[in-house]
Amino acid sequence: MATFRDLHYLGEPLVLPNAWDVGSALAFAAAGFPAVGTTSFGIAASAGAPDGGRASQTATAALVPQLCRLPVHITADIEDGYSDDPDEVAGLVARLAAVGVAGVNLEDSADGHLVDPVVAAGKLAAVKRRSPEVFLNARVDNIWFGEQATVEAVLERAAMYADAGADGIFVPGLAVPEDIRRVTAGVGLPVNVLAHPVLTVAELGELGVRRVSSGSLPYRAAVDAAVNVATALRDGRPAPGATSYWEMQARLVAFHQQPAD
């Protein structure tokens, strides 16, 4: 099986679905995806908390070791590392690596605002020194939060993070084709974007993108689907089809019976 790093250098961009619990990760693995990420939004929302503010920390710490039992690569969304201390962030990633995590996403924002890129770069460098084998995806949040939201500012931060040891650059919110092309051309690392509302994965690949994450889209779509089922029943319409209870139960039984490492 290709390594997680290798998956960023194949022909088509890596399509990375983001799970919020064991059931969703099992479904993605059953669908043939070679790697699965976590979504901080989906995990936080499932626990009744808004995204950000390190709300996903406890649930992520509990979920990720379970997901690492799956026969796929696992990469974890750890927000900003849940700490301002680079050594604490490096320690967290080392613990995740010890249970089998192949990669992490580390954001350069906190509470919906950009942080000093020197601070973010310090965390990246500390992580890379401690866990060089982990694919370190540095998230650049200028466009996502609308702060210094220019390609030039994104490239400036990306260059600092590359120098600090990042293995990939994630730019959520990057959607204009010409901006995507400029960023991928200006960054010497695999560039990750969120699923685009119009462009296909192949078209994003033609613009230089190497990884396309679903982000919280599957979680949000699942909530919509659940509401659609309930309203169909309420309104007298036929219920939509779904994977059978028995198939999902079989996945969970098999997963439960796997010995924990």
Protein backbone atom coordinates (compact mmCIF):
# COMPACT_ATOMS: atom_id res chain seq x y z
CA MET A 1 0.00 0.00 0.00
CA ALA A 2 1.24 3.49 -0.83
CA THR A 3 2.34 5.59 2.11
CA PHE A 4 0.23 8.57 3.11
CA ARG A 5 2.96 10.85 1.79
CA ASP A 6 3.00 8.97 -1.53
CA LEU A 7 -0.73 9.55 -1.96
CA HIS A 8 0.00 13.26 -2.45
CA TYR A 9 2.25 12.59 -5.46
CA LEU A 10 0.17 10.23 -7.60
CA GLY A 11 -1.68 11.11 -10.82
CA GLU A 12 -5.01 12.37 -9.51
CA PRO A 13 -5.28 14.51 -6.36
CA LEU A 14 -5.85 12.59 -3.13
CA VAL A 15 -9.56 12.75 -2.22
CA LEU A 16 -9.72 12.79 1.57
CA PRO A 17 -13.09 12.17 3.23
CA ASN A 18 -13.39 13.54 6.76
CA ALA A 19 -15.05 11.40 9.42
CA TRP A 20 -16.66 12.49 12.68
CA ASP A 21 -17.10 9.08 14.35
CA VAL A 22 -16.22 5.41 13.95
CA GLY A 23 -19.31 4.67 11.86
CA SER A 24 -18.54 7.33 9.25
CA ALA A 25 -14.88 6.27 9.09
CA LEU A 26 -15.89 2.62 8.62
CA ALA A 27 -18.16 3.65 5.75
CA PHE A 28 -15.39 5.62 4.04
CA ALA A 29 -12.97 2.72 4.43
CA ALA A 30 -15.59 0.30 3.05
CA ALA A 31 -16.01 2.62 0.05
CA GLY A 32 -12.34 2.12 -0.82
CA PHE A 33 -10.72 5.36 0.30
CA PRO A 34 -7.05 4.74 1.18
CA ALA A 35 -6.97 7.55 3.73
CA VAL A 36 -9.49 9.15 6.06
CA GLY A 37 -9.24 12.41 7.96
CA THR A 38 -11.19 13.75 10.89
CA THR A 39 -13.30 16.91 10.86
CA SER A 40 -13.09 19.19 13.88
CA PHE A 41 -16.46 20.71 12.98
CA GLY A 42 -18.21 17.33 12.75
CA ILE A 43 -16.62 16.07 15.95
CA ALA A 44 -17.42 19.25 17.89
CA ALA A 45 -20.96 19.46 16.50
CA SER A 46 -21.63 15.83 17.41
CA ALA A 47 -20.74 16.75 20.99
CA GLY A 48 -23.00 19.82 20.90
CA ALA A 49 -20.24 22.42 20.64
CA PRO A 50 -19.47 25.01 17.94
CA ASP A 51 -16.33 24.55 15.89
CA GLY A 52 -13.09 26.15 17.04
CA GLY A 53 -12.00 27.24 20.47
CA ARG A 54 -10.34 23.82 20.92
CA ALA A 55 -13.78 22.29 21.44
CA SER A 56 -12.84 19.09 19.60
CA GLN A 57 -9.83 18.21 21.79
CA THR A 58 -11.31 15.58 24.12
CA ALA A 59 -13.44 13.87 21.50
CA THR A 60 -10.59 13.82 18.97
CA ALA A 61 -8.22 12.30 21.52
CA ALA A 62 -10.75 9.52 22.13
CA LEU A 63 -11.67 8.94 18.48
CA VAL A 64 -8.33 8.93 16.70
CA PRO A 65 -6.84 5.83 18.40
CA GLN A 66 -9.97 3.91 17.40
CA LEU A 67 -9.73 5.04 13.78
CA CYS A 68 -6.08 3.97 13.63
CA ARG A 69 -7.29 0.37 13.89
CA LEU A 70 -8.74 0.68 10.38
CA PRO A 71 -6.74 -0.55 7.36
CA VAL A 72 -6.40 2.98 5.98
CA HIS A 73 -4.16 5.96 6.66
CA ILE A 74 -5.56 8.34 9.30
CA THR A 75 -4.85 12.06 9.46
CA ALA A 76 -6.17 14.12 12.35
CA ASP A 77 -7.54 17.66 12.41
CA ILE A 78 -6.15 19.03 15.67
CA GLU A 79 -7.18 22.68 15.20
CA ASP A 80 -4.24 24.81 16.43
CA GLY A 81 -2.74 21.94 18.40
CA TYR A 82 -4.93 22.81 21.40
CA SER A 83 -2.12 24.80 22.97
CA ASP A 84 -0.01 27.93 22.55
CA ASP A 85 3.08 26.01 23.70
CA PRO A 86 5.03 24.45 20.79
CA ASP A 87 6.39 21.68 23.02
CA GLU A 88 2.88 20.72 24.15
CA VAL A 89 1.70 20.60 20.52
CA ALA A 90 4.72 18.48 19.59
CA GLY A 91 3.95 16.14 22.49
CA LEU A 92 0.35 15.74 21.33
CA VAL A 93 1.42 14.85 17.79
CA ALA A 94 3.99 12.39 19.14
CA ARG A 95 1.25 10.63 21.11
CA LEU A 96 -0.94 10.49 18.02
CA ALA A 97 1.95 9.12 15.97
CA ALA A 98 2.46 6.43 18.60
CA VAL A 99 -1.08 5.10 17.99
CA GLY A 100 -0.61 5.13 14.23
CA VAL A 101 -1.63 8.55 12.91
CA ALA A 102 -0.06 9.25 9.53
CA GLY A 103 -0.71 12.99 9.38
CA VAL A 104 -2.12 16.03 11.16
CA ASN A 105 -3.59 19.37 10.16
CA LEU A 106 -2.34 22.35 12.16
CA GLU A 107 -4.10 25.70 11.81
CA ASP A 108 -2.58 29.17 11.96
CA SER A 109 -5.67 30.67 13.56
CA ALA A 110 -7.42 30.66 16.92
CA ASP A 111 -10.96 31.70 17.83
CA GLY A 112 -11.66 32.67 14.23
CA HIS A 113 -8.65 34.94 13.75
CA LEU A 114 -5.17 34.58 12.31
CA VAL A 115 -2.28 34.22 14.73
CA ASP A 116 1.23 35.54 14.26
CA PRO A 117 2.80 33.30 11.59
CA VAL A 118 5.99 33.15 13.66
CA VAL A 119 3.98 31.47 16.42
CA ALA A 120 2.42 29.00 13.98
CA ALA A 121 5.81 28.26 12.41
CA GLY A 122 7.25 27.60 15.86
CA LYS A 123 4.64 24.91 16.47
CA LEU A 124 5.31 23.34 13.07
CA ALA A 125 9.04 23.23 13.70
CA ALA A 126 8.57 21.66 17.13
CA VAL A 127 6.27 18.99 15.70
CA LYS A 128 8.66 18.17 12.87
CA ARG A 129 11.63 17.82 15.23
CA ARG A 130 9.69 15.43 17.47
CA SER A 131 7.74 13.46 14.81
CA PRO A 132 9.48 13.77 11.43
CA GLU A 133 7.54 10.81 10.02
CA VAL A 134 4.13 12.49 10.41
CA PHE A 135 2.79 14.29 7.33
CA LEU A 136 2.41 17.83 8.63
CA ASN A 137 -0.28 19.76 6.76
CA ALA A 138 -0.03 23.48 7.62
CA ARG A 139 -3.36 25.25 7.30
CA VAL A 140 -3.28 28.86 6.08
CA ASP A 141 -6.50 30.57 7.18
CA ASN A 142 -6.26 34.02 5.55
CA ILE A 143 -9.02 33.38 3.02
CA TRP A 144 -11.16 31.20 5.32
CA PHE A 145 -11.52 33.98 7.87
CA GLY A 146 -11.23 36.91 5.48
CA GLU A 147 -8.12 38.40 7.09
CA GLN A 148 -5.23 39.52 4.87
CA ALA A 149 -7.14 37.53 2.26
CA THR A 150 -4.78 37.87 -0.69
CA VAL A 151 -2.77 35.32 -2.61
CA GLU A 152 0.39 37.24 -1.73
CA ALA A 153 -0.32 36.97 2.00
CA VAL A 154 -1.13 33.28 1.68
CA LEU A 155 2.13 32.63 -0.16
CA GLU A 156 4.10 34.55 2.44
CA ARG A 157 2.73 32.43 5.26
CA ALA A 158 3.07 29.23 3.25
CA ALA A 159 6.76 29.94 2.64
CA MET A 160 7.35 30.41 6.38
CA TYR A 161 5.59 27.14 7.14
CA ALA A 162 7.52 25.27 4.45
CA ASP A 163 10.77 26.55 5.97
CA ALA A 164 9.55 25.34 9.38
CA GLY A 165 9.12 21.80 8.05
CA ALA A 166 5.55 21.54 6.77
CA ASP A 167 4.93 18.72 4.30
CA GLY A 168 1.80 20.24 2.76
CA ILE A 169 -0.14 23.49 2.71
CA PHE A 170 -3.91 23.60 3.24
CA VAL A 171 -5.78 26.73 2.12
CA PRO A 172 -9.48 26.40 2.97
CA GLY A 173 -11.72 28.88 1.19
CA LEU A 174 -9.46 29.03 -1.87
CA ALA A 175 -11.99 28.87 -4.70
CA VAL A 176 -11.14 31.24 -7.58
CA PRO A 177 -9.40 29.16 -10.28
CA GLU A 178 -6.70 31.74 -10.99
CA ASP A 179 -5.98 32.11 -7.28
CA ILE A 180 -5.71 28.34 -6.93
CA ARG A 181 -3.26 28.21 -9.84
CA ARG A 182 -1.14 31.03 -8.37
CA VAL A 183 -0.99 29.38 -4.97
CA THR A 184 -0.08 25.94 -6.30
CA ALA A 185 2.55 27.47 -8.58
CA GLY A 186 3.99 29.51 -5.73
CA VAL A 187 4.15 26.76 -3.11
CA GLY A 188 6.76 24.04 -3.44
CA LEU A 189 4.66 21.55 -1.46
CA PRO A 190 1.42 19.66 -2.11
CA VAL A 191 -1.49 22.07 -1.85
CA ASN A 192 -4.73 20.97 -0.19
CA VAL A 193 -8.10 22.65 -0.78
CA LEU A 194 -11.65 21.92 0.27
CA ALA A 195 -14.09 20.30 -2.14
CA HIS A 196 -15.05 22.93 -4.69
CA PRO A 197 -18.72 23.77 -5.35
CA VAL A 198 -18.18 23.78 -9.13
CA LEU A 199 -14.77 22.41 -10.09
CA THR A 200 -14.27 18.64 -10.14
CA VAL A 201 -11.33 16.93 -8.49
CA ALA A 202 -9.76 16.41 -11.92
CA GLU A 203 -10.13 20.12 -12.71
CA LEU A 204 -8.58 21.05 -9.39
CA GLY A 205 -5.72 18.71 -10.24
CA GLU A 206 -5.20 20.57 -13.53
CA LEU A 207 -4.80 23.73 -11.42
CA GLY A 208 -2.03 22.04 -9.43
CA VAL A 209 -3.97 20.85 -6.38
CA ARG A 210 -2.68 17.61 -4.83
CA ARG A 211 -5.27 16.96 -2.11
CA VAL A 212 -9.00 17.66 -1.91
CA SER A 213 -10.64 17.36 1.49
CA SER A 214 -14.35 16.92 2.03
CA GLY A 215 -14.11 18.86 5.30
CA SER A 216 -17.36 18.97 7.20
CA LEU A 217 -19.47 18.52 4.04
CA PRO A 218 -20.27 14.82 4.67
CA TYR A 219 -21.34 15.58 8.25
CA ARG A 220 -23.56 18.46 7.13
CA ALA A 221 -25.00 16.40 4.28
CA ALA A 222 -25.69 13.54 6.69
CA VAL A 223 -27.65 15.87 8.97
CA ASP A 224 -29.63 17.10 5.97
CA ALA A 225 -30.30 13.52 4.89
CA ALA A 226 -31.54 12.62 8.37
CA VAL A 227 -33.95 15.55 8.32
CA ASN A 228 -35.13 14.53 4.85
CA VAL A 229 -35.90 11.01 6.09
CA ALA A 230 -37.91 12.32 9.03
CA THR A 231 -39.84 14.85 6.97
CA ALA A 232 -40.60 12.25 4.30
CA LEU A 233 -42.16 10.01 6.95
CA ARG A 234 -44.05 12.92 8.48
CA ASP A 235 -45.33 14.14 5.12
CA GLY A 236 -46.42 10.75 3.83
CA ARG A 237 -43.68 10.35 1.22
CA PRO A 238 -41.74 7.10 0.73
CA ALA A 239 -38.65 6.85 2.88
CA PRO A 240 -35.39 6.98 0.90
CA GLY A 241 -33.19 3.93 0.64
CA ALA A 242 -30.10 3.46 2.79
CA THR A 243 -27.39 0.94 3.60
CA SER A 244 -29.05 -1.87 5.49
CA TYR A 245 -28.99 -2.16 9.25
CA TRP A 246 -27.36 -5.57 8.86
CA GLU A 247 -24.49 -4.32 6.73
CA MET A 248 -23.68 -1.48 9.09
CA GLN A 249 -24.04 -3.80 12.07
CA ALA A 250 -21.63 -6.27 10.47
CA ARG A 251 -19.01 -3.54 10.02
CA LEU A 252 -19.28 -2.53 13.64
CA VAL A 253 -19.18 -6.11 14.92
CA ALA A 254 -16.05 -6.80 12.87
CA PHE A 255 -14.46 -3.59 14.11
CA HIS A 256 -15.36 -4.37 17.72
CA GLN A 257 -13.85 -7.83 17.46
CA GLN A 258 -10.49 -6.52 16.24
CA PRO A 259 -7.88 -6.71 18.97
CA ALA A 260 -6.72 -3.30 20.14
CA ASP A 261 -2.99 -2.74 19.72
